[in-house]
PDB file of N, CA and C in Angstrom:
ATOM      1  N   MET A   1      10.699  34.352  59.872  1.00  0.00           N
ATOM      2  CA  MET A   1       9.987  34.488  58.631  1.00  0.00           C
ATOM      3  C   MET A   1      10.781  33.868  57.511  1.00  0.00           C
ATOM      4  N   THR A   2      10.082  33.131  56.746  1.00  0.00           N
ATOM      5  CA  THR A   2      10.742  32.521  55.598  1.00  0.00           C
ATOM      6  C   THR A   2      10.178  33.101  54.327  1.00  0.00           C
ATOM      7  N   LYS A   3      11.018  33.149  53.385  1.00  0.00           N
ATOM      8  CA  LYS A   3      10.621  33.713  52.103  1.00  0.00           C
ATOM      9  C   LYS A   3      10.012  32.596  51.255  1.00  0.00           C
ATOM     10  N   LYS A   4       8.825  32.818  50.734  1.00  0.00           N
ATOM     11  CA  LYS A   4       8.170  31.824  49.887  1.00  0.00           C
ATOM     12  C   LYS A   4       8.640  32.019  48.451  1.00  0.00           C
ATOM     13  N   THR A   5       8.914  30.893  47.795  1.00  0.00           N
ATOM     14  CA  THR A   5       9.326  30.971  46.390  1.00  0.00           C
ATOM     15  C   THR A   5       8.132  30.671  45.503  1.00  0.00           C
ATOM     16  N   MET A   6       8.050  31.374  44.473  1.00  0.00           N
ATOM     17  CA  MET A   6       6.950  31.155  43.516  1.00  0.00           C
ATOM     18  C   MET A   6       7.515  30.515  42.263  1.00  0.00           C
ATOM     19  N   LYS A   7       6.734  29.591  41.734  1.00  0.00           N
ATOM     20  CA  LYS A   7       7.134  28.952  40.482  1.00  0.00           C
ATOM     21  C   LYS A   7       6.807  29.872  39.323  1.00  0.00           C
ATOM     22  N   ALA A   8       7.688  29.872  38.362  1.00  0.00           N
ATOM     23  CA  ALA A   8       7.429  30.652  37.157  1.00  0.00           C
ATOM     24  C   ALA A   8       6.335  29.963  36.356  1.00  0.00           C
ATOM     25  N   PRO A   9       5.459  30.713  35.702  1.00  0.00           N
ATOM     26  CA  PRO A   9       4.395  30.081  34.925  1.00  0.00           C
ATOM     27  C   PRO A   9       4.991  29.253  33.781  1.00  0.00           C
ATOM     28  N   ALA A  10       4.351  28.137  33.505  1.00  0.00           N
ATOM     29  CA  ALA A  10       4.837  27.244  32.442  1.00  0.00           C
ATOM     30  C   ALA A  10       4.699  27.932  31.091  1.00  0.00           C
ATOM     31  N   LYS A  11       5.718  27.785  30.296  1.00  0.00           N
ATOM     32  CA  LYS A  11       5.682  28.374  28.956  1.00  0.00           C
ATOM     33  C   LYS A  11       4.967  27.437  28.015  1.00  0.00           C
ATOM     34  N   LYS A  12       4.106  28.005  27.200  1.00  0.00           N
ATOM     35  CA  LYS A  12       3.398  27.206  26.203  1.00  0.00           C
ATOM     36  C   LYS A  12       4.297  27.047  24.985  1.00  0.00           C
ATOM     37  N   ALA A  13       4.281  25.853  24.455  1.00  0.00           N
ATOM     38  CA  ALA A  13       5.084  25.602  23.252  1.00  0.00           C
ATOM     39  C   ALA A  13       4.450  26.326  22.078  1.00  0.00           C
ATOM     40  N   ALA A  14       5.281  26.888  21.252  1.00  0.00           N
ATOM     41  CA  ALA A  14       4.783  27.583  20.070  1.00  0.00           C
ATOM     42  C   ALA A  14       4.141  26.572  19.133  1.00  0.00           C
ATOM     43  N   PRO A  15       2.995  26.913  18.545  1.00  0.00           N
ATOM     44  CA  PRO A  15       2.358  25.961  17.631  1.00  0.00           C
ATOM     45  C   PRO A  15       3.245  25.700  16.429  1.00  0.00           C
ATOM     46  N   ALA A  16       3.339  24.435  16.061  1.00  0.00           N
ATOM     47  CA  ALA A  16       4.178  24.054  14.927  1.00  0.00           C
ATOM     48  C   ALA A  16       3.519  24.511  13.639  1.00  0.00           C
ATOM     49  N   ALA A  17       4.313  25.051  12.772  1.00  0.00           N
ATOM     50  CA  ALA A  17       3.789  25.495  11.481  1.00  0.00           C
ATOM     51  C   ALA A  17       3.437  24.276  10.641  1.00  0.00           C
ATOM     52  N   LYS A  18       2.245  24.312  10.092  1.00  0.00           N
ATOM     53  CA  LYS A  18       1.813  23.179   9.268  1.00  0.00           C
ATOM     54  C   LYS A  18       2.297  23.409   7.843  1.00  0.00           C
ATOM     55  N   THR A  19       3.144  22.514   7.400  1.00  0.00           N
ATOM     56  CA  THR A  19       3.651  22.590   6.042  1.00  0.00           C
ATOM     57  C   THR A  19       3.464  21.244   5.381  1.00  0.00           C
ATOM     58  N   LYS A  20       3.350  21.281   4.093  1.00  0.00           N
ATOM     59  CA  LYS A  20       3.194  20.051   3.340  1.00  0.00           C
ATOM     60  C   LYS A  20       4.536  19.330   3.269  1.00  0.00           C
ATOM     61  N   ALA A  21       4.506  18.028   3.511  1.00  0.00           N
ATOM     62  CA  ALA A  21       5.736  17.239   3.476  1.00  0.00           C
ATOM     63  C   ALA A  21       6.223  17.112   2.037  1.00  0.00           C
ATOM     64  N   PRO A  22       7.509  17.285   1.807  1.00  0.00           N
ATOM     65  CA  PRO A  22       8.037  17.103   0.457  1.00  0.00           C
ATOM     66  C   PRO A  22       7.871  15.646   0.019  1.00  0.00           C
ATOM     67  N   LYS A  23       7.896  15.446  -1.290  1.00  0.00           N
ATOM     68  CA  LYS A  23       7.718  14.101  -1.841  1.00  0.00           C
ATOM     69  C   LYS A  23       8.743  13.116  -1.315  1.00  0.00           C
ATOM     70  N   SER A  24       9.962  13.567  -1.048  1.00  0.00           N
ATOM     71  CA  SER A  24      10.997  12.659  -0.566  1.00  0.00           C
ATOM     72  C   SER A  24      10.643  12.098   0.804  1.00  0.00           C
ATOM     73  N   GLU A  25       9.986  12.909   1.647  1.00  0.00           N
ATOM     74  CA  GLU A  25       9.577  12.421   2.960  1.00  0.00           C
ATOM     75  C   GLU A  25       8.418  11.440   2.831  1.00  0.00           C
ATOM     76  N   ALA A  26       7.539  11.660   1.845  1.00  0.00           N
ATOM     77  CA  ALA A  26       6.411  10.754   1.632  1.00  0.00           C
ATOM     78  C   ALA A  26       6.914   9.374   1.227  1.00  0.00           C
ATOM     79  N   ALA A  27       8.063   9.327   0.572  1.00  0.00           N
ATOM     80  CA  ALA A  27       8.632   8.047   0.150  1.00  0.00           C
ATOM     81  C   ALA A  27       9.095   7.234   1.355  1.00  0.00           C
ATOM     82  N   ASP A  28       9.396   7.900   2.453  1.00  0.00           N
ATOM     83  CA  ASP A  28       9.863   7.213   3.649  1.00  0.00           C
ATOM     84  C   ASP A  28       8.736   6.573   4.443  1.00  0.00           C
ATOM     85  N   SER A  29       7.485   6.734   3.983  1.00  0.00           N
ATOM     86  CA  SER A  29       6.352   6.220   4.745  1.00  0.00           C
ATOM     87  C   SER A  29       6.194   4.713   4.616  1.00  0.00           C
ATOM     88  N   GLY A  30       6.982   4.064   3.784  1.00  0.00           N
ATOM     89  CA  GLY A  30       6.895   2.617   3.658  1.00  0.00           C
ATOM     90  C   GLY A  30       6.076   2.161   2.473  1.00  0.00           C
ATOM     91  N   LYS A  31       5.568   3.068   1.689  1.00  0.00           N
ATOM     92  CA  LYS A  31       4.752   2.714   0.532  1.00  0.00           C
ATOM     93  C   LYS A  31       5.302   3.415  -0.699  1.00  0.00           C
ATOM     94  N   VAL A  32       5.364   2.682  -1.803  1.00  0.00           N
ATOM     95  CA  VAL A  32       5.831   3.261  -3.052  1.00  0.00           C
ATOM     96  C   VAL A  32       4.602   3.538  -3.922  1.00  0.00           C
ATOM     97  N   ALA A  33       4.379   4.793  -4.214  1.00  0.00           N
ATOM     98  CA  ALA A  33       3.242   5.200  -5.027  1.00  0.00           C
ATOM     99  C   ALA A  33       3.572   4.994  -6.510  1.00  0.00           C
ATOM    100  N   LYS A  34       2.547   5.056  -7.339  1.00  0.00           N
ATOM    101  CA  LYS A  34       2.735   4.846  -8.769  1.00  0.00           C
ATOM    102  C   LYS A  34       3.701   5.887  -9.345  1.00  0.00           C
ATOM    103  N   ALA A  35       3.582   7.128  -8.907  1.00  0.00           N
ATOM    104  CA  ALA A  35       4.471   8.180  -9.414  1.00  0.00           C
ATOM    105  C   ALA A  35       5.929   7.883  -9.070  1.00  0.00           C
ATOM    106  N   GLN A  36       6.157   7.348  -7.882  1.00  0.00           N
ATOM    107  CA  GLN A  36       7.526   7.000  -7.484  1.00  0.00           C
ATOM    108  C   GLN A  36       8.017   5.803  -8.283  1.00  0.00           C
ATOM    109  N   LEU A  37       7.126   4.868  -8.557  1.00  0.00           N
ATOM    110  CA  LEU A  37       7.479   3.716  -9.375  1.00  0.00           C
ATOM    111  C   LEU A  37       7.857   4.165 -10.786  1.00  0.00           C
ATOM    112  N   VAL A  38       7.074   5.083 -11.334  1.00  0.00           N
ATOM    113  CA  VAL A  38       7.358   5.629 -12.668  1.00  0.00           C
ATOM    114  C   VAL A  38       8.730   6.293 -12.680  1.00  0.00           C
ATOM    115  N   GLU A  39       9.034   7.043 -11.636  1.00  0.00           N
ATOM    116  CA  GLU A  39      10.328   7.724 -11.544  1.00  0.00           C
ATOM    117  C   GLU A  39      11.480   6.717 -11.475  1.00  0.00           C
ATOM    118  N   MET A  40      11.294   5.635 -10.708  1.00  0.00           N
ATOM    119  CA  MET A  40      12.342   4.612 -10.602  1.00  0.00           C
ATOM    120  C   MET A  40      12.566   3.919 -11.949  1.00  0.00           C
ATOM    121  N   VAL A  41      11.481   3.640 -12.673  1.00  0.00           N
ATOM    122  CA  VAL A  41      11.601   2.996 -13.990  1.00  0.00           C
ATOM    123  C   VAL A  41      12.321   3.938 -14.947  1.00  0.00           C
ATOM    124  N   ALA A  42      11.995   5.211 -14.903  1.00  0.00           N
ATOM    125  CA  ALA A  42      12.650   6.192 -15.773  1.00  0.00           C
ATOM    126  C   ALA A  42      14.146   6.253 -15.481  1.00  0.00           C
ATOM    127  N   ASP A  43      14.514   6.232 -14.205  1.00  0.00           N
ATOM    128  CA  ASP A  43      15.932   6.287 -13.829  1.00  0.00           C
ATOM    129  C   ASP A  43      16.679   5.036 -14.284  1.00  0.00           C
ATOM    130  N   LYS A  44      16.064   3.861 -14.129  1.00  0.00           N
ATOM    131  CA  LYS A  44      16.737   2.597 -14.480  1.00  0.00           C
ATOM    132  C   LYS A  44      16.853   2.379 -15.979  1.00  0.00           C
ATOM    133  N   THR A  45      15.830   2.828 -16.736  1.00  0.00           N
ATOM    134  CA  THR A  45      15.790   2.504 -18.166  1.00  0.00           C
ATOM    135  C   THR A  45      16.272   3.617 -19.075  1.00  0.00           C
ATOM    136  N   GLY A  46      16.294   4.837 -18.585  1.00  0.00           N
ATOM    137  CA  GLY A  46      16.685   5.949 -19.439  1.00  0.00           C
ATOM    138  C   GLY A  46      15.512   6.479 -20.260  1.00  0.00           C
ATOM    139  N   LEU A  47      14.312   5.951 -20.033  1.00  0.00           N
ATOM    140  CA  LEU A  47      13.122   6.446 -20.713  1.00  0.00           C
ATOM    141  C   LEU A  47      12.698   7.770 -20.085  1.00  0.00           C
ATOM    142  N   THR A  48      11.893   8.519 -20.820  1.00  0.00           N
ATOM    143  CA  THR A  48      11.349   9.740 -20.228  1.00  0.00           C
ATOM    144  C   THR A  48      10.294   9.348 -19.207  1.00  0.00           C
ATOM    145  N   LYS A  49       9.909  10.287 -18.354  1.00  0.00           N
ATOM    146  CA  LYS A  49       8.891   9.984 -17.344  1.00  0.00           C
ATOM    147  C   LYS A  49       7.553   9.665 -18.010  1.00  0.00           C
ATOM    148  N   LYS A  50       7.266  10.319 -19.119  1.00  0.00           N
ATOM    149  CA  LYS A  50       6.007  10.060 -19.825  1.00  0.00           C
ATOM    150  C   LYS A  50       6.013   8.641 -20.394  1.00  0.00           C
ATOM    151  N   GLN A  51       7.122   8.232 -20.994  1.00  0.00           N
ATOM    152  CA  GLN A  51       7.225   6.867 -21.532  1.00  0.00           C
ATOM    153  C   GLN A  51       7.173   5.836 -20.403  1.00  0.00           C
ATOM    154  N   SER A  52       7.827   6.143 -19.289  1.00  0.00           N
ATOM    155  CA  SER A  52       7.809   5.235 -18.142  1.00  0.00           C
ATOM    156  C   SER A  52       6.404   5.101 -17.584  1.00  0.00           C
ATOM    157  N   GLU A  53       5.672   6.211 -17.517  1.00  0.00           N
ATOM    158  CA  GLU A  53       4.301   6.186 -17.008  1.00  0.00           C
ATOM    159  C   GLU A  53       3.419   5.326 -17.905  1.00  0.00           C
ATOM    160  N   GLU A  54       3.598   5.437 -19.207  1.00  0.00           N
ATOM    161  CA  GLU A  54       2.829   4.628 -20.160  1.00  0.00           C
ATOM    162  C   GLU A  54       3.168   3.144 -19.996  1.00  0.00           C
ATOM    163  N   ALA A  55       4.442   2.833 -19.799  1.00  0.00           N
ATOM    164  CA  ALA A  55       4.866   1.440 -19.649  1.00  0.00           C
ATOM    165  C   ALA A  55       4.318   0.840 -18.349  1.00  0.00           C
ATOM    166  N   VAL A  56       4.418   1.579 -17.245  1.00  0.00           N
ATOM    167  CA  VAL A  56       3.922   1.089 -15.958  1.00  0.00           C
ATOM    168  C   VAL A  56       2.405   0.920 -16.006  1.00  0.00           C
ATOM    169  N   SER A  57       1.709   1.894 -16.584  1.00  0.00           N
ATOM    170  CA  SER A  57       0.250   1.814 -16.695  1.00  0.00           C
ATOM    171  C   SER A  57      -0.175   0.634 -17.560  1.00  0.00           C
ATOM    172  N   ALA A  58       0.534   0.402 -18.664  1.00  0.00           N
ATOM    173  CA  ALA A  58       0.210  -0.720 -19.540  1.00  0.00           C
ATOM    174  C   ALA A  58       0.427  -2.053 -18.828  1.00  0.00           C
ATOM    175  N   MET A  59       1.507  -2.155 -18.068  1.00  0.00           N
ATOM    176  CA  MET A  59       1.787  -3.393 -17.343  1.00  0.00           C
ATOM    177  C   MET A  59       0.714  -3.661 -16.290  1.00  0.00           C
ATOM    178  N   LEU A  60       0.358  -2.638 -15.534  1.00  0.00           N
ATOM    179  CA  LEU A  60      -0.672  -2.795 -14.504  1.00  0.00           C
ATOM    180  C   LEU A  60      -2.021  -3.149 -15.124  1.00  0.00           C
ATOM    181  N   GLU A  61      -2.329  -2.534 -16.246  1.00  0.00           N
ATOM    182  CA  GLU A  61      -3.584  -2.820 -16.949  1.00  0.00           C
ATOM    183  C   GLU A  61      -3.620  -4.274 -17.421  1.00  0.00           C
ATOM    184  N   CYS A  62      -2.502  -4.775 -17.927  1.00  0.00           N
ATOM    185  CA  CYS A  62      -2.423  -6.169 -18.373  1.00  0.00           C
ATOM    186  C   CYS A  62      -2.598  -7.137 -17.201  1.00  0.00           C
ATOM    187  N   VAL A  63      -2.012  -6.807 -16.057  1.00  0.00           N
ATOM    188  CA  VAL A  63      -2.136  -7.655 -14.870  1.00  0.00           C
ATOM    189  C   VAL A  63      -3.593  -7.698 -14.421  1.00  0.00           C
ATOM    190  N   VAL A  64      -4.243  -6.544 -14.353  1.00  0.00           N
ATOM    191  CA  VAL A  64      -5.642  -6.471 -13.920  1.00  0.00           C
ATOM    192  C   VAL A  64      -6.544  -7.226 -14.889  1.00  0.00           C
ATOM    193  N   THR A  65      -6.342  -7.041 -16.184  1.00  0.00           N
ATOM    194  CA  THR A  65      -7.156  -7.724 -17.192  1.00  0.00           C
ATOM    195  C   THR A  65      -6.998  -9.235 -17.091  1.00  0.00           C
ATOM    196  N   SER A  66      -5.776  -9.694 -16.917  1.00  0.00           N
ATOM    197  CA  SER A  66      -5.522 -11.132 -16.800  1.00  0.00           C
ATOM    198  C   SER A  66      -6.211 -11.709 -15.568  1.00  0.00           C
ATOM    199  N   LEU A  67      -6.151 -10.998 -14.449  1.00  0.00           N
ATOM    200  CA  LEU A  67      -6.803 -11.462 -13.226  1.00  0.00           C
ATOM    201  C   LEU A  67      -8.321 -11.480 -13.393  1.00  0.00           C
ATOM    202  N   GLN A  68      -8.863 -10.485 -14.082  1.00  0.00           N
ATOM    203  CA  GLN A  68     -10.303 -10.448 -14.324  1.00  0.00           C
ATOM    204  C   GLN A  68     -10.759 -11.611 -15.183  1.00  0.00           C
ATOM    205  N   GLU A  69      -9.875 -12.085 -16.049  1.00  0.00           N
ATOM    206  CA  GLU A  69     -10.186 -13.240 -16.902  1.00  0.00           C
ATOM    207  C   GLU A  69      -9.966 -14.560 -16.171  1.00  0.00           C
ATOM    208  N   GLY A  70      -9.490 -14.498 -14.935  1.00  0.00           N
ATOM    209  CA  GLY A  70      -9.286 -15.699 -14.143  1.00  0.00           C
ATOM    210  C   GLY A  70      -7.923 -16.344 -14.331  1.00  0.00           C
ATOM    211  N   LYS A  71      -7.026 -15.679 -15.021  1.00  0.00           N
ATOM    212  CA  LYS A  71      -5.675 -16.208 -15.250  1.00  0.00           C
ATOM    213  C   LYS A  71      -4.770 -15.825 -14.082  1.00  0.00           C
ATOM    214  N   SER A  72      -3.733 -16.611 -13.865  1.00  0.00           N
ATOM    215  CA  SER A  72      -2.740 -16.232 -12.859  1.00  0.00           C
ATOM    216  C   SER A  72      -1.619 -15.481 -13.565  1.00  0.00           C
ATOM    217  N   VAL A  73      -0.988 -14.587 -12.826  1.00  0.00           N
ATOM    218  CA  VAL A  73       0.070 -13.746 -13.384  1.00  0.00           C
ATOM    219  C   VAL A  73       1.354 -13.998 -12.605  1.00  0.00           C
ATOM    220  N   GLY A  74       2.373 -14.491 -13.292  1.00  0.00           N
ATOM    221  CA  GLY A  74       3.675 -14.732 -12.677  1.00  0.00           C
ATOM    222  C   GLY A  74       4.589 -13.562 -12.923  1.00  0.00           C
ATOM    223  N   LEU A  75       5.139 -13.029 -11.858  1.00  0.00           N
ATOM    224  CA  LEU A  75       6.096 -11.926 -11.947  1.00  0.00           C
ATOM    225  C   LEU A  75       7.426 -12.453 -11.431  1.00  0.00           C
ATOM    226  N   PRO A  76       8.345 -12.817 -12.333  1.00  0.00           N
ATOM    227  CA  PRO A  76       9.615 -13.426 -11.924  1.00  0.00           C
ATOM    228  C   PRO A  76      10.355 -12.590 -10.889  1.00  0.00           C
ATOM    229  N   GLY A  77      10.792 -13.269  -9.840  1.00  0.00           N
ATOM    230  CA  GLY A  77      11.520 -12.599  -8.778  1.00  0.00           C
ATOM    231  C   GLY A  77      10.607 -11.934  -7.764  1.00  0.00           C
ATOM    232  N   LEU A  78       9.317 -11.838  -8.056  1.00  0.00           N
ATOM    233  CA  LEU A  78       8.374 -11.179  -7.156  1.00  0.00           C
ATOM    234  C   LEU A  78       7.365 -12.170  -6.590  1.00  0.00           C
ATOM    235  N   GLY A  79       6.669 -12.882  -7.472  1.00  0.00           N
ATOM    236  CA  GLY A  79       5.684 -13.859  -7.016  1.00  0.00           C
ATOM    237  C   GLY A  79       4.620 -14.107  -8.061  1.00  0.00           C
ATOM    238  N   THR A  80       3.540 -14.782  -7.650  1.00  0.00           N
ATOM    239  CA  THR A  80       2.444 -15.115  -8.549  1.00  0.00           C
ATOM    240  C   THR A  80       1.136 -14.627  -7.963  1.00  0.00           C
ATOM    241  N   MET A  81       0.368 -13.917  -8.779  1.00  0.00           N
ATOM    242  CA  MET A  81      -0.960 -13.461  -8.394  1.00  0.00           C
ATOM    243  C   MET A  81      -1.967 -14.371  -9.073  1.00  0.00           C
ATOM    244  N   SER A  82      -2.984 -14.803  -8.334  1.00  0.00           N
ATOM    245  CA  SER A  82      -4.008 -15.671  -8.903  1.00  0.00           C
ATOM    246  C   SER A  82      -5.359 -15.349  -8.287  1.00  0.00           C
ATOM    247  N   VAL A  83      -6.424 -15.814  -8.949  1.00  0.00           N
ATOM    248  CA  VAL A  83      -7.780 -15.610  -8.471  1.00  0.00           C
ATOM    249  C   VAL A  83      -8.238 -16.901  -7.805  1.00  0.00           C
ATOM    250  N   LYS A  84      -8.735 -16.797  -6.587  1.00  0.00           N
ATOM    251  CA  LYS A  84      -9.208 -17.966  -5.843  1.00  0.00           C
ATOM    252  C   LYS A  84     -10.691 -17.796  -5.555  1.00  0.00           C
ATOM    253  N   GLU A  85     -11.410 -18.915  -5.608  1.00  0.00           N
ATOM    254  CA  GLU A  85     -12.828 -18.925  -5.267  1.00  0.00           C
ATOM    255  C   GLU A  85     -12.970 -19.000  -3.749  1.00  0.00           C
ATOM    256  N   THR A  86     -13.931 -18.261  -3.201  1.00  0.00           N
ATOM    257  CA  THR A  86     -14.230 -18.370  -1.780  1.00  0.00           C
ATOM    258  C   THR A  86     -15.590 -19.035  -1.635  1.00  0.00           C
ATOM    259  N   ALA A  87     -15.752 -19.877  -0.644  1.00  0.00           N
ATOM    260  CA  ALA A  87     -16.996 -20.604  -0.429  1.00  0.00           C
ATOM    261  C   ALA A  87     -18.014 -19.730   0.300  1.00  0.00           C
ATOM    262  N   ALA A  88     -19.289 -20.039   0.112  1.00  0.00           N
ATOM    263  CA  ALA A  88     -20.340 -19.366   0.868  1.00  0.00           C
ATOM    264  C   ALA A  88     -20.214 -19.793   2.321  1.00  0.00           C
ATOM    265  N   ARG A  89     -20.499 -18.866   3.232  1.00  0.00           N
ATOM    266  CA  ARG A  89     -20.350 -19.199   4.642  1.00  0.00           C
ATOM    267  C   ARG A  89     -21.299 -18.351   5.482  1.00  0.00           C
ATOM    268  N   THR A  90     -21.455 -18.743   6.719  1.00  0.00           N
ATOM    269  CA  THR A  90     -22.291 -18.000   7.651  1.00  0.00           C
ATOM    270  C   THR A  90     -21.394 -17.099   8.476  1.00  0.00           C
ATOM    271  N   GLY A  91     -21.792 -15.845   8.599  1.00  0.00           N
ATOM    272  CA  GLY A  91     -21.037 -14.888   9.390  1.00  0.00           C
ATOM    273  C   GLY A  91     -21.916 -14.270  10.449  1.00  0.00           C
ATOM    274  N   VAL A  92     -21.339 -13.426  11.277  1.00  0.00           N
ATOM    275  CA  VAL A  92     -22.068 -12.739  12.332  1.00  0.00           C
ATOM    276  C   VAL A  92     -21.961 -11.243  12.087  1.00  0.00           C
ATOM    277  N   LYS A  93     -23.116 -10.570  12.063  1.00  0.00           N
ATOM    278  CA  LYS A  93     -23.157  -9.133  11.838  1.00  0.00           C
ATOM    279  C   LYS A  93     -22.684  -8.427  13.110  1.00  0.00           C
ATOM    280  N   PRO A  94     -21.656  -7.584  13.010  1.00  0.00           N
ATOM    281  CA  PRO A  94     -21.132  -6.898  14.197  1.00  0.00           C
ATOM    282  C   PRO A  94     -22.191  -5.996  14.829  1.00  0.00           C
ATOM    283  N   GLY A  95     -22.211  -5.953  16.123  1.00  0.00           N
ATOM    284  CA  GLY A  95     -23.137  -5.076  16.831  1.00  0.00           C
ATOM    285  C   GLY A  95     -24.442  -5.749  17.199  1.00  0.00           C
ATOM    286  N   THR A  96     -25.019  -6.509  16.264  1.00  0.00           N
ATOM    287  CA  THR A  96     -26.319  -7.135  16.530  1.00  0.00           C
ATOM    288  C   THR A  96     -26.191  -8.621  16.809  1.00  0.00           C
ATOM    289  N   SER A  97     -25.062  -9.202  16.506  1.00  0.00           N
ATOM    290  CA  SER A  97     -24.813 -10.646  16.637  1.00  0.00           C
ATOM    291  C   SER A  97     -25.784 -11.477  15.807  1.00  0.00           C
ATOM    292  N   GLU A  98     -26.374 -10.850  14.809  1.00  0.00           N
ATOM    293  CA  GLU A  98     -27.299 -11.547  13.902  1.00  0.00           C
ATOM    294  C   GLU A  98     -26.493 -12.389  12.917  1.00  0.00           C
ATOM    295  N   LYS A  99     -26.919 -13.620  12.691  1.00  0.00           N
ATOM    296  CA  LYS A  99     -26.227 -14.491  11.742  1.00  0.00           C
ATOM    297  C   LYS A  99     -26.675 -14.117  10.333  1.00  0.00           C
ATOM    298  N   ILE A 100     -25.674 -13.974   9.460  1.00  0.00           N
ATOM    299  CA  ILE A 100     -25.961 -13.634   8.063  1.00  0.00           C
ATOM    300  C   ILE A 100     -25.261 -14.624   7.153  1.00  0.00           C
ATOM    301  N   GLN A 101     -25.782 -14.751   5.936  1.00  0.00           N
ATOM    302  CA  GLN A 101     -25.189 -15.646   4.952  1.00  0.00           C
ATOM    303  C   GLN A 101     -24.293 -14.819   4.031  1.00  0.00           C
ATOM    304  N   ILE A 102     -23.024 -15.168   3.974  1.00  0.00           N
ATOM    305  CA  ILE A 102     -22.064 -14.482   3.098  1.00  0.00           C
ATOM    306  C   ILE A 102     -21.958 -15.308   1.818  1.00  0.00           C
ATOM    307  N   PRO A 103     -22.228 -14.700   0.665  1.00  0.00           N
ATOM    308  CA  PRO A 103     -22.216 -15.464  -0.583  1.00  0.00           C
ATOM    309  C   PRO A 103     -20.800 -15.860  -1.018  1.00  0.00           C
ATOM    310  N   ALA A 104     -20.731 -16.852  -1.909  1.00  0.00           N
ATOM    311  CA  ALA A 104     -19.441 -17.258  -2.487  1.00  0.00           C
ATOM    312  C   ALA A 104     -18.912 -16.104  -3.322  1.00  0.00           C
ATOM    313  N   GLY A 105     -17.622 -16.047  -3.481  1.00  0.00           N
ATOM    314  CA  GLY A 105     -17.026 -14.964  -4.259  1.00  0.00           C
ATOM    315  C   GLY A 105     -15.638 -15.336  -4.734  1.00  0.00           C
ATOM    316  N   LYS A 106     -14.900 -14.310  -5.115  1.00  0.00           N
ATOM    317  CA  LYS A 106     -13.529 -14.496  -5.591  1.00  0.00           C
ATOM    318  C   LYS A 106     -12.628 -13.511  -4.869  1.00  0.00           C
ATOM    319  N   LYS A 107     -11.359 -13.885  -4.732  1.00  0.00           N
ATOM    320  CA  LYS A 107     -10.366 -12.983  -4.149  1.00  0.00           C
ATOM    321  C   LYS A 107      -9.052 -13.159  -4.882  1.00  0.00           C
ATOM    322  N   VAL A 108      -8.210 -12.151  -4.789  1.00  0.00           N
ATOM    323  CA  VAL A 108      -6.885 -12.213  -5.404  1.00  0.00           C
ATOM    324  C   VAL A 108      -5.911 -12.713  -4.344  1.00  0.00           C
ATOM    325  N   ALA A 109      -5.173 -13.757  -4.688  1.00  0.00           N
ATOM    326  CA  ALA A 109      -4.166 -14.317  -3.786  1.00  0.00           C
ATOM    327  C   ALA A 109      -2.784 -14.030  -4.366  1.00  0.00           C
ATOM    328  N   PHE A 110      -1.818 -13.869  -3.484  1.00  0.00           N
ATOM    329  CA  PHE A 110      -0.446 -13.610  -3.917  1.00  0.00           C
ATOM    330  C   PHE A 110       0.487 -14.556  -3.193  1.00  0.00           C
ATOM    331  N   LYS A 111       1.289 -15.268  -3.964  1.00  0.00           N
ATOM    332  CA  LYS A 111       2.292 -16.164  -3.392  1.00  0.00           C
ATOM    333  C   LYS A 111       3.660 -15.573  -3.709  1.00  0.00           C
ATOM    334  N   VAL A 112       4.415 -15.281  -2.673  1.00  0.00           N
ATOM    335  CA  VAL A 112       5.729 -14.649  -2.819  1.00  0.00           C
ATOM    336  C   VAL A 112       6.727 -15.647  -3.390  1.00  0.00           C
ATOM    337  N   ALA A 113       7.566 -15.177  -4.320  1.00  0.00           N
ATOM    338  CA  ALA A 113       8.611 -16.018  -4.895  1.00  0.00           C
ATOM    339  C   ALA A 113       9.630 -16.370  -3.820  1.00  0.00           C
ATOM    340  N   SER A 114      10.130 -17.586  -3.881  1.00  0.00           N
ATOM    341  CA  SER A 114      11.082 -18.042  -2.861  1.00  0.00           C
ATOM    342  C   SER A 114      12.367 -17.223  -2.866  1.00  0.00           C
ATOM    343  N   THR A 115      12.771 -16.722  -4.032  1.00  0.00           N
ATOM    344  CA  THR A 115      13.993 -15.892  -4.084  1.00  0.00           C
ATOM    345  C   THR A 115      13.789 -14.585  -3.328  1.00  0.00           C
ATOM    346  N   LEU A 116      12.609 -13.991  -3.454  1.00  0.00           N
ATOM    347  CA  LEU A 116      12.325 -12.748  -2.742  1.00  0.00           C
ATOM    348  C   LEU A 116      12.177 -13.012  -1.255  1.00  0.00           C
ATOM    349  N   LYS A 117      11.500 -14.091  -0.920  1.00  0.00           N
ATOM    350  CA  LYS A 117      11.291 -14.447   0.486  1.00  0.00           C
ATOM    351  C   LYS A 117      12.616 -14.629   1.200  1.00  0.00           C
ATOM    352  N   GLY A 118      13.570 -15.231   0.520  1.00  0.00           N
ATOM    353  CA  GLY A 118      14.891 -15.471   1.110  1.00  0.00           C
ATOM    354  C   GLY A 118      15.727 -14.205   1.239  1.00  0.00           C
ATOM    355  N   ASN A 119      15.440 -13.191   0.409  1.00  0.00           N
ATOM    356  CA  ASN A 119      16.238 -11.954   0.416  1.00  0.00           C
ATOM    357  C   ASN A 119      15.679 -10.869   1.317  1.00  0.00           C
ATOM    358  N   ILE A 120      14.501 -11.080   1.874  1.00  0.00           N
ATOM    359  CA  ILE A 120      13.897 -10.039   2.716  1.00  0.00           C
ATOM    360  C   ILE A 120      14.373 -10.181   4.144  1.00  0.00           C
TER     361      ILE A 120
END
């Protein structure tokens, strides 16, 4: 007679507690949010966070307004943003394979500055 061994039942892992990630962990996601940008400007310039927020918002507003007017915006050390015309073209509607006409439009193009490209 041989003694049969029984396996112990598998233990279930305890459910992980769901907690909100602190802001510092959100910064590690690879994207810099406006609030983080405001904080960085405040740290570099010595301005208050409210003054930094006003400065960042004003700069972004000026960039958007200039692009809407069709002007290009040069950001030294970063690159140039410009508005480009897109031609009308024929496309295919997904799922039905129906051919559709896509109208002409505009898009924002960004050309990276060579100094930044070389430093990345």
